[in-house]
Amino acid sequence: MMEKVRVYQPNKHLKQGIKIWKEMFQELFEFRELIWCLFARDLSAKYKQSLLGNFWCLMMPFVAIGTFMYLNHAGILHIRQTSMPYPLYALIGLSVWQIFATGLNSGANSLVGAGDLVTKINFPREVLVIASMAQSIFEFLIKFVLILIFFFVFKFTPSWKIIFFPFVLLPLAFLTIGLSLMLSLLNGVMRDIGNIVSLLLMFLMFLTPVLYPVPAKHFLLLKLNFLSPLINAPRELIADGSIHQPLYYEVSSVISLLIFLMSWRVFHLVETKIPERI
């Protein structure tokens, strides 16, 4: 068998131009088994020696939904009428949000957490970020089973267009991976980035209509926060079979894709310097 040999050339990535994209996709495909192994390893380590195991990922939605329901019942908050029973509305919003929040948090720490794997083994380091995103998707699938159960509990019939639900989530996944690639690099230089991301995500969740519908008088919030359409669109598709603000969703999707492509390109350019910083 002929072994593939790589010859080092200074500024090779800059010389290749647009052809570098083909190489980037080929590398990901070649290392697909490594992505799976890293995903399985991280998932096993996260819930090792845990009594409830993967069901811990359901705890936060129940606590957050219960808190908002209590605040609404007590009159501290006023949550206006939603297009479906509120617990179901909040559960879908939180499940979609945690694809972003969990993926971004784990992705930002993926390079630093890999340790000797980064410094001693030669492989495309973006697979670490993608493996952390795969873990976020897996946890979402567990929550989606709970969403299906809630459909029966609250006797809610979703639109048949729920079959397009995975495609509507794609821009959010691209955005999460793109931001994770950049933040993982920054975290390798300044370790405070991981803590800052966790703190910002906490505030950002309340600035995004995850647990509440956006009042008409505050619609400007939806315009300024391009995460809002990405969170609302999957929920609207389930409830009504359509996206209420398709233009804002399309703009947010384009922004997400651009962030992903630019971040991946920058990450690939500086990849050879990563072991020196970690």
C-alpha atoms as a PDB file:
ATOM      1  CA  MET A   1       0.000   0.000   0.000  1.00  0.00           C
ATOM      2  CA  MET A   2       1.209   3.481  -0.849  1.00  0.00           C
ATOM      3  CA  GLU A   3       1.392   5.833   2.092  1.00  0.00           C
ATOM      4  CA  LYS A   4       0.295   9.429   1.611  1.00  0.00           C
ATOM      5  CA  VAL A   5       3.245  11.761   2.238  1.00  0.00           C
ATOM      6  CA  ARG A   6       2.825  15.423   3.156  1.00  0.00           C
ATOM      7  CA  VAL A   7       5.639  17.813   2.293  1.00  0.00           C
ATOM      8  CA  TYR A   8       5.914  21.025   4.300  1.00  0.00           C
ATOM      9  CA  GLN A   9       5.946  24.238   2.280  1.00  0.00           C
ATOM     10  CA  PRO A  10       6.073  27.760   3.768  1.00  0.00           C
ATOM     11  CA  ASN A  11       2.755  29.631   3.367  1.00  0.00           C
ATOM     12  CA  LYS A  12       1.270  26.636   1.550  1.00  0.00           C
ATOM     13  CA  HIS A  13      -2.300  27.549   2.572  1.00  0.00           C
ATOM     14  CA  LEU A  14      -1.951  31.052   1.158  1.00  0.00           C
ATOM     15  CA  LYS A  15      -0.599  29.760  -2.152  1.00  0.00           C
ATOM     16  CA  GLN A  16      -3.437  27.311  -2.706  1.00  0.00           C
ATOM     17  CA  GLY A  17      -6.126  29.984  -2.844  1.00  0.00           C
ATOM     18  CA  ILE A  18      -9.642  28.638  -3.333  1.00  0.00           C
ATOM     19  CA  LYS A  19      -8.327  25.064  -3.694  1.00  0.00           C
ATOM     20  CA  ILE A  20      -7.722  25.012   0.050  1.00  0.00           C
ATOM     21  CA  TRP A  21     -11.463  24.487   0.607  1.00  0.00           C
ATOM     22  CA  LYS A  22     -11.316  21.139  -1.161  1.00  0.00           C
ATOM     23  CA  GLU A  23      -8.422  20.080   1.043  1.00  0.00           C
ATOM     24  CA  MET A  24     -10.274  21.205   4.201  1.00  0.00           C
ATOM     25  CA  PHE A  25     -13.365  19.142   3.375  1.00  0.00           C
ATOM     26  CA  GLN A  26     -11.240  16.146   2.387  1.00  0.00           C
ATOM     27  CA  GLU A  27      -9.396  16.279   5.708  1.00  0.00           C
ATOM     28  CA  LEU A  28     -12.652  16.283   7.661  1.00  0.00           C
ATOM     29  CA  PHE A  29     -13.909  13.294   5.691  1.00  0.00           C
ATOM     30  CA  GLU A  30     -10.663  11.374   6.207  1.00  0.00           C
ATOM     31  CA  PHE A  31     -10.816  11.957   9.975  1.00  0.00           C
ATOM     32  CA  ARG A  32     -14.533  11.155  10.389  1.00  0.00           C
ATOM     33  CA  GLU A  33     -13.701   8.100  12.515  1.00  0.00           C
ATOM     34  CA  LEU A  34     -11.598  10.245  14.840  1.00  0.00           C
ATOM     35  CA  ILE A  35     -14.544  12.645  15.246  1.00  0.00           C
ATOM     36  CA  TRP A  36     -16.733   9.716  16.255  1.00  0.00           C
ATOM     37  CA  CYS A  37     -14.139   8.381  18.725  1.00  0.00           C
ATOM     38  CA  LEU A  38     -13.679  11.796  20.335  1.00  0.00           C
ATOM     39  CA  PHE A  39     -17.439  12.233  20.586  1.00  0.00           C
ATOM     40  CA  ALA A  40     -17.862   8.819  22.251  1.00  0.00           C
ATOM     41  CA  ARG A  41     -14.934   9.497  24.618  1.00  0.00           C
ATOM     42  CA  ASP A  42     -16.229  12.908  25.728  1.00  0.00           C
ATOM     43  CA  LEU A  43     -19.777  11.632  26.162  1.00  0.00           C
ATOM     44  CA  SER A  44     -18.609   8.723  28.284  1.00  0.00           C
ATOM     45  CA  ALA A  45     -16.345  10.943  30.409  1.00  0.00           C
ATOM     46  CA  LYS A  46     -19.054  13.571  30.997  1.00  0.00           C
ATOM     47  CA  TYR A  47     -21.503  11.185  32.640  1.00  0.00           C
ATOM     48  CA  LYS A  48     -19.035   8.693  34.084  1.00  0.00           C
ATOM     49  CA  GLN A  49     -20.038   7.425  37.557  1.00  0.00           C
ATOM     50  CA  SER A  50     -23.300   9.392  37.277  1.00  0.00           C
ATOM     51  CA  LEU A  51     -26.492   7.776  38.564  1.00  0.00           C
ATOM     52  CA  LEU A  52     -28.815   9.476  36.050  1.00  0.00           C
ATOM     53  CA  GLY A  53     -26.289   9.615  33.205  1.00  0.00           C
ATOM     54  CA  ASN A  54     -27.524  11.410  30.086  1.00  0.00           C
ATOM     55  CA  PHE A  55     -30.767  12.396  31.772  1.00  0.00           C
ATOM     56  CA  TRP A  56     -28.902  15.176  33.576  1.00  0.00           C
ATOM     57  CA  CYS A  57     -29.237  17.159  30.352  1.00  0.00           C
ATOM     58  CA  LEU A  58     -33.004  17.292  31.034  1.00  0.00           C
ATOM     59  CA  MET A  59     -32.599  18.897  34.450  1.00  0.00           C
ATOM     60  CA  MET A  60     -31.908  22.457  33.285  1.00  0.00           C
ATOM     61  CA  PRO A  61     -35.003  22.668  31.033  1.00  0.00           C
ATOM     62  CA  PHE A  62     -37.269  21.468  33.854  1.00  0.00           C
ATOM     63  CA  VAL A  63     -35.750  23.882  36.385  1.00  0.00           C
ATOM     64  CA  ALA A  64     -35.888  26.877  33.992  1.00  0.00           C
ATOM     65  CA  ILE A  65     -39.451  26.135  32.811  1.00  0.00           C
ATOM     66  CA  GLY A  66     -40.645  25.611  36.381  1.00  0.00           C
ATOM     67  CA  THR A  67     -39.066  28.898  37.488  1.00  0.00           C
ATOM     68  CA  PHE A  68     -40.697  30.904  34.698  1.00  0.00           C
ATOM     69  CA  MET A  69     -44.073  29.236  35.299  1.00  0.00           C
ATOM     70  CA  TYR A  70     -43.871  30.131  39.001  1.00  0.00           C
ATOM     71  CA  LEU A  71     -42.871  33.747  38.267  1.00  0.00           C
ATOM     72  CA  ASN A  72     -45.737  34.051  35.794  1.00  0.00           C
ATOM     73  CA  HIS A  73     -48.250  32.520  38.229  1.00  0.00           C
ATOM     74  CA  ALA A  74     -47.039  34.795  41.036  1.00  0.00           C
ATOM     75  CA  GLY A  75     -47.473  37.876  38.839  1.00  0.00           C
ATOM     76  CA  ILE A  76     -43.793  38.797  38.931  1.00  0.00           C
ATOM     77  CA  LEU A  77     -43.542  38.202  35.183  1.00  0.00           C
ATOM     78  CA  HIS A  78     -46.277  38.421  32.596  1.00  0.00           C
ATOM     79  CA  ILE A  79     -45.832  35.960  29.744  1.00  0.00           C
ATOM     80  CA  ARG A  80     -48.373  36.620  27.026  1.00  0.00           C
ATOM     81  CA  GLN A  81     -50.295  33.941  25.161  1.00  0.00           C
ATOM     82  CA  THR A  82     -48.130  31.493  23.219  1.00  0.00           C
ATOM     83  CA  SER A  83     -48.938  29.461  20.103  1.00  0.00           C
ATOM     84  CA  MET A  84     -48.798  26.197  22.107  1.00  0.00           C
ATOM     85  CA  PRO A  85     -49.014  25.231  25.806  1.00  0.00           C
ATOM     86  CA  TYR A  86     -46.314  27.209  27.608  1.00  0.00           C
ATOM     87  CA  PRO A  87     -44.333  24.225  29.012  1.00  0.00           C
ATOM     88  CA  LEU A  88     -44.041  22.839  25.471  1.00  0.00           C
ATOM     89  CA  TYR A  89     -43.229  26.290  24.068  1.00  0.00           C
ATOM     90  CA  ALA A  90     -40.456  26.778  26.643  1.00  0.00           C
ATOM     91  CA  LEU A  91     -39.098  23.235  26.274  1.00  0.00           C
ATOM     92  CA  ILE A  92     -38.652  23.584  22.498  1.00  0.00           C
ATOM     93  CA  GLY A  93     -37.031  27.004  22.902  1.00  0.00           C
ATOM     94  CA  LEU A  94     -34.634  25.786  25.593  1.00  0.00           C
ATOM     95  CA  SER A  95     -33.744  22.630  23.665  1.00  0.00           C
ATOM     96  CA  VAL A  96     -32.870  24.647  20.564  1.00  0.00           C
ATOM     97  CA  TRP A  97     -30.999  27.243  22.643  1.00  0.00           C
ATOM     98  CA  GLN A  98     -28.868  24.595  24.334  1.00  0.00           C
ATOM     99  CA  ILE A  99     -27.635  23.374  20.956  1.00  0.00           C
ATOM    100  CA  PHE A 100     -25.984  26.786  20.718  1.00  0.00           C
ATOM    101  CA  ALA A 101     -25.059  27.294  24.375  1.00  0.00           C
ATOM    102  CA  THR A 102     -23.721  23.799  25.109  1.00  0.00           C
ATOM    103  CA  GLY A 103     -21.954  23.561  21.753  1.00  0.00           C
ATOM    104  CA  LEU A 104     -20.321  26.975  22.132  1.00  0.00           C
ATOM    105  CA  ASN A 105     -19.222  26.411  25.706  1.00  0.00           C
ATOM    106  CA  SER A 106     -17.691  22.990  25.052  1.00  0.00           C
ATOM    107  CA  GLY A 107     -16.279  24.060  21.675  1.00  0.00           C
ATOM    108  CA  ALA A 108     -14.504  27.073  23.171  1.00  0.00           C
ATOM    109  CA  ASN A 109     -12.738  24.760  25.649  1.00  0.00           C
ATOM    110  CA  SER A 110     -12.113  21.881  23.224  1.00  0.00           C
ATOM    111  CA  LEU A 111      -8.501  22.716  22.311  1.00  0.00           C
ATOM    112  CA  VAL A 112      -7.423  23.564  25.847  1.00  0.00           C
ATOM    113  CA  GLY A 113      -9.137  20.470  27.226  1.00  0.00           C
ATOM    114  CA  ALA A 114      -7.451  18.160  24.699  1.00  0.00           C
ATOM    115  CA  GLY A 115      -4.003  18.743  26.241  1.00  0.00           C
ATOM    116  CA  ASP A 116      -1.305  16.378  24.906  1.00  0.00           C
ATOM    117  CA  LEU A 117      -3.600  15.243  22.102  1.00  0.00           C
ATOM    118  CA  VAL A 118      -3.067  18.644  20.439  1.00  0.00           C
ATOM    119  CA  THR A 119       0.645  18.987  21.087  1.00  0.00           C
ATOM    120  CA  LYS A 120       1.837  15.459  20.317  1.00  0.00           C
ATOM    121  CA  ILE A 121      -0.433  14.127  17.543  1.00  0.00           C
ATOM    122  CA  ASN A 122      -0.782  15.542  14.038  1.00  0.00           C
ATOM    123  CA  PHE A 123      -4.424  15.819  12.945  1.00  0.00           C
ATOM    124  CA  PRO A 124      -6.804  18.644  11.896  1.00  0.00           C
ATOM    125  CA  ARG A 125      -7.641  20.319  15.194  1.00  0.00           C
ATOM    126  CA  GLU A 126     -11.089  21.425  14.040  1.00  0.00           C
ATOM    127  CA  VAL A 127     -12.276  17.855  14.578  1.00  0.00           C
ATOM    128  CA  LEU A 128     -12.119  18.592  18.328  1.00  0.00           C
ATOM    129  CA  VAL A 129     -14.612  21.422  17.912  1.00  0.00           C
ATOM    130  CA  ILE A 130     -16.879  19.363  15.667  1.00  0.00           C
ATOM    131  CA  ALA A 131     -16.804  16.444  18.123  1.00  0.00           C
ATOM    132  CA  SER A 132     -17.926  18.773  20.912  1.00  0.00           C
ATOM    133  CA  MET A 133     -20.761  19.999  18.660  1.00  0.00           C
ATOM    134  CA  ALA A 134     -21.788  16.380  18.038  1.00  0.00           C
ATOM    135  CA  GLN A 135     -22.201  15.949  21.779  1.00  0.00           C
ATOM    136  CA  SER A 136     -24.522  18.970  21.862  1.00  0.00           C
ATOM    137  CA  ILE A 137     -26.623  17.479  19.041  1.00  0.00           C
ATOM    138  CA  PHE A 138     -26.820  14.144  20.878  1.00  0.00           C
ATOM    139  CA  GLU A 139     -28.150  15.844  24.008  1.00  0.00           C
ATOM    140  CA  PHE A 140     -30.705  17.670  21.869  1.00  0.00           C
ATOM    141  CA  LEU A 141     -31.961  14.339  20.495  1.00  0.00           C
ATOM    142  CA  ILE A 142     -32.620  13.191  24.063  1.00  0.00           C
ATOM    143  CA  LYS A 143     -34.618  16.371  24.705  1.00  0.00           C
ATOM    144  CA  PHE A 144     -36.505  15.905  21.443  1.00  0.00           C
ATOM    145  CA  VAL A 145     -37.831  12.574  22.710  1.00  0.00           C
ATOM    146  CA  LEU A 146     -39.186  14.508  25.703  1.00  0.00           C
ATOM    147  CA  ILE A 147     -40.749  17.051  23.316  1.00  0.00           C
ATOM    148  CA  LEU A 148     -42.577  14.216  21.525  1.00  0.00           C
ATOM    149  CA  ILE A 149     -43.885  12.997  24.891  1.00  0.00           C
ATOM    150  CA  PHE A 150     -45.095  16.532  25.681  1.00  0.00           C
ATOM    151  CA  PHE A 151     -47.079  16.523  22.414  1.00  0.00           C
ATOM    152  CA  PHE A 152     -49.142  13.649  23.794  1.00  0.00           C
ATOM    153  CA  VAL A 153     -49.336  15.028  27.353  1.00  0.00           C
ATOM    154  CA  PHE A 154     -50.714  18.399  26.210  1.00  0.00           C
ATOM    155  CA  LYS A 155     -52.647  16.907  23.265  1.00  0.00           C
ATOM    156  CA  PHE A 156     -50.877  19.225  20.849  1.00  0.00           C
ATOM    157  CA  THR A 157     -50.701  18.313  17.162  1.00  0.00           C
ATOM    158  CA  PRO A 158     -47.606  19.756  15.447  1.00  0.00           C
ATOM    159  CA  SER A 159     -47.619  20.863  11.838  1.00  0.00           C
ATOM    160  CA  TRP A 160     -46.649  18.199   9.290  1.00  0.00           C
ATOM    161  CA  LYS A 161     -43.784  20.518   8.334  1.00  0.00           C
ATOM    162  CA  ILE A 162     -41.980  19.330  11.443  1.00  0.00           C
ATOM    163  CA  ILE A 163     -40.150  17.031   9.014  1.00  0.00           C
ATOM    164  CA  PHE A 164     -38.150  20.133   7.935  1.00  0.00           C
ATOM    165  CA  PHE A 165     -37.140  20.805  11.555  1.00  0.00           C
ATOM    166  CA  PRO A 166     -33.518  19.519  11.157  1.00  0.00           C
ATOM    167  CA  PHE A 167     -32.933  21.748   8.115  1.00  0.00           C
ATOM    168  CA  VAL A 168     -34.166  24.851   9.961  1.00  0.00           C
ATOM    169  CA  LEU A 169     -31.621  24.104  12.707  1.00  0.00           C
ATOM    170  CA  LEU A 170     -28.655  24.007  10.299  1.00  0.00           C
ATOM    171  CA  PRO A 171     -27.850  27.763  10.406  1.00  0.00           C
ATOM    172  CA  LEU A 172     -27.717  27.624  14.214  1.00  0.00           C
ATOM    173  CA  ALA A 173     -25.331  24.662  14.028  1.00  0.00           C
ATOM    174  CA  PHE A 174     -23.091  26.489  11.526  1.00  0.00           C
ATOM    175  CA  LEU A 175     -23.060  29.580  13.742  1.00  0.00           C
ATOM    176  CA  THR A 176     -22.147  27.520  16.806  1.00  0.00           C
ATOM    177  CA  ILE A 177     -19.255  25.749  15.070  1.00  0.00           C
ATOM    178  CA  GLY A 178     -17.977  29.000  13.531  1.00  0.00           C
ATOM    179  CA  LEU A 179     -17.934  30.888  16.828  1.00  0.00           C
ATOM    180  CA  SER A 180     -16.460  27.858  18.608  1.00  0.00           C
ATOM    181  CA  LEU A 181     -13.551  27.707  16.164  1.00  0.00           C
ATOM    182  CA  MET A 182     -12.625  31.336  16.843  1.00  0.00           C
ATOM    183  CA  LEU A 183     -13.202  31.181  20.601  1.00  0.00           C
ATOM    184  CA  SER A 184     -11.153  27.988  20.927  1.00  0.00           C
ATOM    185  CA  LEU A 185      -8.194  29.814  19.362  1.00  0.00           C
ATOM    186  CA  LEU A 186      -8.644  32.815  21.656  1.00  0.00           C
ATOM    187  CA  ASN A 187      -8.995  30.530  24.659  1.00  0.00           C
ATOM    188  CA  GLY A 188      -5.630  28.992  23.836  1.00  0.00           C
ATOM    189  CA  VAL A 189      -4.033  32.441  24.119  1.00  0.00           C
ATOM    190  CA  MET A 190      -6.096  33.804  27.022  1.00  0.00           C
ATOM    191  CA  ARG A 191      -7.661  31.164  29.288  1.00  0.00           C
ATOM    192  CA  ASP A 192     -10.225  33.619  30.650  1.00  0.00           C
ATOM    193  CA  ILE A 193     -12.217  33.248  27.422  1.00  0.00           C
ATOM    194  CA  GLY A 194     -13.887  30.035  28.619  1.00  0.00           C
ATOM    195  CA  ASN A 195     -15.235  31.735  31.745  1.00  0.00           C
ATOM    196  CA  ILE A 196     -16.286  34.823  29.806  1.00  0.00           C
ATOM    197  CA  VAL A 197     -18.259  32.688  27.335  1.00  0.00           C
ATOM    198  CA  SER A 198     -20.150  30.952  30.158  1.00  0.00           C
ATOM    199  CA  LEU A 199     -21.012  34.310  31.712  1.00  0.00           C
ATOM    200  CA  LEU A 200     -22.138  35.899  28.443  1.00  0.00           C
ATOM    201  CA  LEU A 201     -24.306  32.915  27.535  1.00  0.00           C
ATOM    202  CA  MET A 202     -26.190  33.323  30.795  1.00  0.00           C
ATOM    203  CA  PHE A 203     -27.141  36.934  29.962  1.00  0.00           C
ATOM    204  CA  LEU A 204     -27.665  36.260  26.262  1.00  0.00           C
ATOM    205  CA  MET A 205     -30.311  33.624  26.989  1.00  0.00           C
ATOM    206  CA  PHE A 206     -32.512  36.247  28.674  1.00  0.00           C
ATOM    207  CA  LEU A 207     -31.927  38.732  25.832  1.00  0.00           C
ATOM    208  CA  THR A 208     -33.096  36.099  23.330  1.00  0.00           C
ATOM    209  CA  PRO A 209     -36.767  34.980  23.220  1.00  0.00           C
ATOM    210  CA  VAL A 210     -36.034  31.470  24.428  1.00  0.00           C
ATOM    211  CA  LEU A 211     -38.594  31.301  27.234  1.00  0.00           C
ATOM    212  CA  TYR A 212     -40.932  34.095  26.202  1.00  0.00           C
ATOM    213  CA  PRO A 213     -42.546  35.430  23.011  1.00  0.00           C
ATOM    214  CA  VAL A 214     -41.361  38.823  21.779  1.00  0.00           C
ATOM    215  CA  PRO A 215     -43.996  41.552  22.374  1.00  0.00           C
ATOM    216  CA  ALA A 216     -44.824  43.622  19.278  1.00  0.00           C
ATOM    217  CA  LYS A 217     -43.596  46.817  20.936  1.00  0.00           C
ATOM    218  CA  HIS A 218     -40.182  45.211  21.499  1.00  0.00           C
ATOM    219  CA  PHE A 219     -39.831  43.803  17.990  1.00  0.00           C
ATOM    220  CA  LEU A 220     -36.602  45.818  17.635  1.00  0.00           C
ATOM    221  CA  LEU A 221     -35.040  43.197  19.924  1.00  0.00           C
ATOM    222  CA  LEU A 222     -35.685  40.604  17.235  1.00  0.00           C
ATOM    223  CA  LYS A 223     -34.026  42.784  14.604  1.00  0.00           C
ATOM    224  CA  LEU A 224     -30.872  43.525  16.598  1.00  0.00           C
ATOM    225  CA  ASN A 225     -30.339  40.030  17.990  1.00  0.00           C
ATOM    226  CA  PHE A 226     -29.830  37.792  14.962  1.00  0.00           C
ATOM    227  CA  LEU A 227     -29.991  34.747  17.255  1.00  0.00           C
ATOM    228  CA  SER A 228     -33.713  35.380  17.820  1.00  0.00           C
ATOM    229  CA  PRO A 229     -34.916  34.211  14.367  1.00  0.00           C
ATOM    230  CA  LEU A 230     -32.715  31.111  14.624  1.00  0.00           C
ATOM    231  CA  ILE A 231     -34.363  30.188  17.940  1.00  0.00           C
ATOM    232  CA  ASN A 232     -37.917  31.159  16.963  1.00  0.00           C
ATOM    233  CA  ALA A 233     -38.013  29.634  13.466  1.00  0.00           C
ATOM    234  CA  PRO A 234     -37.924  25.929  14.530  1.00  0.00           C
ATOM    235  CA  ARG A 235     -40.628  26.560  17.140  1.00  0.00           C
ATOM    236  CA  GLU A 236     -42.819  28.476  14.685  1.00  0.00           C
ATOM    237  CA  LEU A 237     -42.421  25.705  12.120  1.00  0.00           C
ATOM    238  CA  ILE A 238     -43.728  23.155  14.623  1.00  0.00           C
ATOM    239  CA  ALA A 239     -46.615  25.329  15.816  1.00  0.00           C
ATOM    240  CA  ASP A 240     -47.847  26.975  12.604  1.00  0.00           C
ATOM    241  CA  GLY A 241     -46.015  25.272   9.765  1.00  0.00           C
ATOM    242  CA  SER A 242     -44.374  28.534   8.690  1.00  0.00           C
ATOM    243  CA  ILE A 243     -41.682  30.995   9.759  1.00  0.00           C
ATOM    244  CA  HIS A 244     -43.282  34.292  10.815  1.00  0.00           C
ATOM    245  CA  GLN A 245     -40.360  36.513   9.850  1.00  0.00           C
ATOM    246  CA  PRO A 246     -38.705  34.693   6.910  1.00  0.00           C
ATOM    247  CA  LEU A 247     -36.570  37.678   5.884  1.00  0.00           C
ATOM    248  CA  TYR A 248     -34.917  37.978   9.297  1.00  0.00           C
ATOM    249  CA  TYR A 249     -34.372  34.223   9.381  1.00  0.00           C
ATOM    250  CA  GLU A 250     -32.741  34.289   5.950  1.00  0.00           C
ATOM    251  CA  VAL A 251     -30.480  37.212   6.911  1.00  0.00           C
ATOM    252  CA  SER A 252     -29.471  35.462  10.144  1.00  0.00           C
ATOM    253  CA  SER A 253     -28.802  32.249   8.209  1.00  0.00           C
ATOM    254  CA  VAL A 254     -26.518  34.039   5.743  1.00  0.00           C
ATOM    255  CA  ILE A 255     -24.645  35.741   8.605  1.00  0.00           C
ATOM    256  CA  SER A 256     -24.246  32.370  10.356  1.00  0.00           C
ATOM    257  CA  LEU A 257     -22.876  30.694   7.230  1.00  0.00           C
ATOM    258  CA  LEU A 258     -20.404  33.540   6.626  1.00  0.00           C
ATOM    259  CA  ILE A 259     -19.192  33.377  10.225  1.00  0.00           C
ATOM    260  CA  PHE A 260     -18.685  29.633   9.863  1.00  0.00           C
ATOM    261  CA  LEU A 261     -16.740  29.860   6.585  1.00  0.00           C
ATOM    262  CA  MET A 262     -14.554  32.768   7.720  1.00  0.00           C
ATOM    263  CA  SER A 263     -13.816  31.181  11.098  1.00  0.00           C
ATOM    264  CA  TRP A 264     -12.940  27.819   9.567  1.00  0.00           C
ATOM    265  CA  ARG A 265     -10.617  29.507   7.056  1.00  0.00           C
ATOM    266  CA  VAL A 266      -8.816  31.484   9.773  1.00  0.00           C
ATOM    267  CA  PHE A 267      -8.603  28.402  11.997  1.00  0.00           C
ATOM    268  CA  HIS A 268      -7.064  26.384   9.165  1.00  0.00           C
ATOM    269  CA  LEU A 269      -4.496  29.120   8.472  1.00  0.00           C
ATOM    270  CA  VAL A 270      -3.220  29.263  12.052  1.00  0.00           C
ATOM    271  CA  GLU A 271      -3.604  25.546  12.761  1.00  0.00           C
ATOM    272  CA  THR A 272       0.150  24.886  12.675  1.00  0.00           C
ATOM    273  CA  LYS A 273       0.661  27.459  15.461  1.00  0.00           C
ATOM    274  CA  ILE A 274      -1.897  25.911  17.811  1.00  0.00           C
ATOM    275  CA  PRO A 275       0.479  23.435  19.562  1.00  0.00           C
ATOM    276  CA  GLU A 276       2.793  26.322  20.477  1.00  0.00           C
ATOM    277  CA  ARG A 277      -0.015  28.156  22.314  1.00  0.00           C
ATOM    278  CA  ILE A 278      -1.823  25.331  24.083  1.00  0.00           C
END
